[in-house]
Each structure stands twice: as structure tokens, then as C-alpha cells.
Protein backbone atom coordinates (compact mmCIF):
# COMPACT_ATOMS: atom_id res chain seq x y z
CA UNK A 1 0.04 -0.02 0.01
CA UNK A 2 2.83 2.41 0.86
CA UNK A 3 4.61 1.54 -2.18
CA UNK A 4 1.54 2.30 -4.22
CA UNK A 5 1.09 5.70 -2.62
CA UNK A 6 4.89 6.46 -3.46
CA UNK A 7 4.44 5.32 -7.02
CA UNK A 8 1.16 7.43 -7.58
CA UNK A 9 2.86 10.50 -5.89
CA UNK A 10 6.09 10.09 -8.19
CA UNK A 11 4.01 9.44 -11.21
CA UNK A 12 1.75 12.39 -10.52
CA UNK A 13 4.69 14.76 -9.98
CA UNK A 14 6.21 13.50 -13.20
CA UNK A 15 3.09 13.87 -15.19
CA UNK A 16 2.76 17.75 -13.91
CA UNK A 17 6.31 18.20 -14.78
CA UNK A 18 5.64 16.89 -18.48
CA UNK A 19 2.71 19.22 -18.76
CA UNK A 20 4.64 22.25 -17.58
CA UNK A 21 7.36 21.58 -19.86
CA UNK A 22 5.02 21.20 -22.89
CA UNK A 23 3.34 24.53 -22.00
CA UNK A 24 6.70 26.31 -21.63
CA UNK A 25 7.76 24.80 -25.07
CA UNK A 26 4.42 25.90 -26.78
CA UNK A 27 4.63 29.42 -25.26
CA UNK A 28 8.29 29.66 -26.54
CA UNK A 29 7.31 28.82 -30.01
CA UNK A 30 4.43 31.13 -30.13
CA UNK A 31 6.63 34.06 -28.92
CA UNK A 32 9.16 33.31 -31.51
CA UNK A 33 6.59 33.06 -34.35
CA UNK A 34 4.72 36.22 -33.40
CA UNK A 35 7.82 38.18 -32.92
CA UNK A 36 9.46 36.93 -36.21
CA UNK A 37 6.27 37.98 -37.88
CA UNK A 38 6.09 41.34 -36.37
CA UNK A 39 9.77 42.25 -37.13
CA UNK A 40 9.25 41.04 -40.78
CA UNK A 41 6.09 43.32 -41.44
CA UNK A 42 7.70 46.26 -39.94
CA UNK A 43 11.04 45.72 -41.66
CA UNK A 44 9.49 45.35 -45.03
CA UNK A 45 7.08 48.39 -44.71
CA UNK A 46 10.06 50.52 -43.32
CA UNK A 47 12.43 49.42 -46.20
CA UNK A 48 9.88 50.17 -48.71
CA UNK A 49 8.92 53.50 -47.27
CA UNK A 50 9.36 56.79 -49.13
CA UNK A 51 10.58 58.42 -46.00
CA UNK A 52 10.43 58.33 -42.07
CA UNK A 53 8.01 61.23 -41.14
CA UNK A 54 8.44 60.98 -37.50
CA UNK A 55 10.24 58.91 -34.78
CA UNK A 56 10.60 58.49 -31.06
CA UNK A 57 11.85 55.78 -28.89
CA UNK A 58 8.27 54.22 -28.87
CA UNK A 59 7.02 54.85 -32.12
CA UNK A 60 7.83 55.46 -35.91
CA UNK A 61 5.79 57.08 -38.67
CA UNK A 62 6.55 56.26 -42.25
CA UNK A 63 5.24 57.77 -45.43
CA UNK A 64 4.35 54.85 -47.67
CA UNK A 65 4.71 54.84 -51.60
CA UNK A 66 0.84 55.23 -51.89
CA UNK A 67 1.12 58.58 -49.81
CA UNK A 68 -0.50 57.21 -46.75
CA UNK A 69 1.19 57.32 -43.41
CA UNK A 70 1.69 54.31 -41.19
CA UNK A 71 2.73 54.61 -37.65
CA UNK A 72 4.14 51.63 -35.54
CA UNK A 73 3.48 51.98 -31.81
CA UNK A 74 3.87 49.86 -28.68
CA UNK A 75 0.62 50.39 -26.94
CA UNK A 76 0.99 50.94 -23.19
CA UNK A 77 -2.26 49.15 -22.08
CA UNK A 78 -3.66 49.36 -18.51
CA UNK A 79 -3.17 46.02 -16.61
CA UNK A 80 -4.29 43.18 -16.70
CA UNK A 81 -4.05 43.72 -20.41
CA UNK A 82 -0.85 43.23 -22.13
CA UNK A 83 1.21 45.89 -24.06
CA UNK A 84 1.00 45.21 -27.75
CA UNK A 85 2.68 46.32 -30.95
CA UNK A 86 0.23 47.88 -33.46
CA UNK A 87 0.34 49.42 -36.93
CA UNK A 88 -1.83 52.50 -37.25
CA UNK A 89 -2.79 53.87 -40.79
CA UNK A 90 -5.82 55.14 -42.75
CA UNK A 91 -7.54 51.70 -42.58
CA UNK A 92 -7.37 51.60 -38.84
CA UNK A 93 -5.21 49.74 -36.10
CA UNK A 94 -3.62 46.39 -36.78
CA UNK A 95 -2.18 44.65 -34.06
CA UNK A 96 1.10 42.77 -34.92
CA UNK A 97 1.13 40.91 -31.52
CA UNK A 98 -1.73 39.00 -29.83
CA UNK A 99 -3.42 39.88 -26.68
CA UNK A 100 -1.88 36.98 -24.72
CA UNK A 101 1.75 38.13 -25.33
CA UNK A 102 3.23 41.09 -23.53
CA UNK A 103 5.39 43.36 -25.66
CA UNK A 104 8.23 45.60 -23.98
CA UNK A 105 9.56 48.30 -26.09
CA UNK A 106 11.89 50.53 -24.15
CA UNK A 107 13.87 51.61 -27.18
CA UNK A 108 11.50 50.44 -29.87
CA UNK A 109 12.94 52.47 -32.48
CA UNK A 110 16.26 54.26 -33.30
CA UNK A 111 16.24 56.41 -36.48
CA UNK A 112 19.43 57.58 -38.01
CA UNK A 113 18.87 59.87 -41.06
CA UNK A 114 20.74 59.37 -44.07
CA UNK A 115 23.09 61.63 -45.99
CA UNK A 116 23.91 62.17 -49.54
CA UNK A 117 26.51 59.37 -49.37
CA UNK A 118 24.32 56.80 -47.72
CA UNK A 119 20.64 56.12 -46.91
CA UNK A 120 19.41 56.18 -43.31
CA UNK A 121 18.52 53.27 -41.27
CA UNK A 122 16.04 52.16 -38.47
CA UNK A 123 16.87 49.84 -35.59
CA UNK A 124 13.87 47.95 -34.24
CA UNK A 125 14.20 46.54 -30.91
CA UNK A 126 11.53 44.81 -28.71
CA UNK A 127 11.03 41.86 -26.30
CA UNK A 128 7.95 39.69 -26.24
CA UNK A 129 7.02 37.51 -23.23
CA UNK A 130 4.40 34.93 -22.68
CA UNK A 131 4.46 33.41 -18.98
CA UNK A 132 8.03 31.97 -18.61
CA UNK A 133 8.94 32.37 -22.34
CA UNK A 134 10.72 35.47 -23.34
CA UNK A 135 12.64 36.55 -26.57
CA UNK A 136 14.40 39.71 -27.56
CA UNK A 137 14.06 40.78 -31.40
CA UNK A 138 16.36 43.28 -33.05
CA UNK A 139 16.84 44.23 -36.68
CA UNK A 140 18.40 47.10 -38.56
CA UNK A 141 16.53 48.15 -41.61
CA UNK A 142 18.29 50.33 -44.26
CA UNK A 143 15.91 52.81 -46.09
CA UNK A 144 15.78 52.87 -49.83
CA UNK A 145 17.42 55.68 -51.41
CA UNK A 146 14.79 56.84 -54.13
């Protein structure tokens, strides 16, 4: 009887550890996929922009080829909601990160204007977190010299 209780206790602990590891792995994969997608969308749009029309540490506005302006922001939402990365344009707000993932964007954008000799560039930097899974995303995008 004592042996059975010990086996059930060890088996239960092992079961919960497997479940926890599976959840952690799933969260890590989701964070990586969402972050890579957000980084790719912003990078392509910034690279194809006519110009950077405004920038700060937490937002960047670009003038698109069609004449519309798109602003990328890290929305600072009131807890218990998670901060999210969003794209705002004439069609409205499109969230690039989901509501279950928290975005930290302390130095979200660093814009360096270009010169006659070389085009400007934008550094994108953010961290996404879901439970224990956390991943930092950084990319430097050269602007096109039209």
C-alpha cells in the first residue's frame, strides 16, 4: 500500500512536470513566431517607405509609396491587459502581436537619418513575453534611396 502511494505520488509529479514543460515549449514557439512575423512586417514596410516622417523611442511614422502614413507603436495598455505592438494607418489599427503576449518596447525604434552618401536606417528592438517564455527581437533596416 505504501509503495503504491509512493508510485502514485512520483507518477503524478512526473505527469505535471511533463505538462509544464510542454506548455513552456508551446509558449516559446508562439513568442518566436509572433515576434518574427511582427519584425518582418515592420522591416518590409520601413524598407519600402518613401521616408520616415516621425520617430521617437516608442513610435515610428513612415510615408508609404501610396502617400498614406503608417505609424508603428507599442501600445501601453492598462493591466491586466498586455502591451501590444500595433500598426496604425488610414484603414485603422492592426495589432502585430496577440493579446496573450506582452510587448516591452523601451527603445523600440532608433532612427538615423541618411546623407547624400548613404541612406538612413532604423533599428527595431522589442521583447515579447508569454508566461516564462521571453525573446528579444532586433533588426536594422536600411531605408531605400529613391
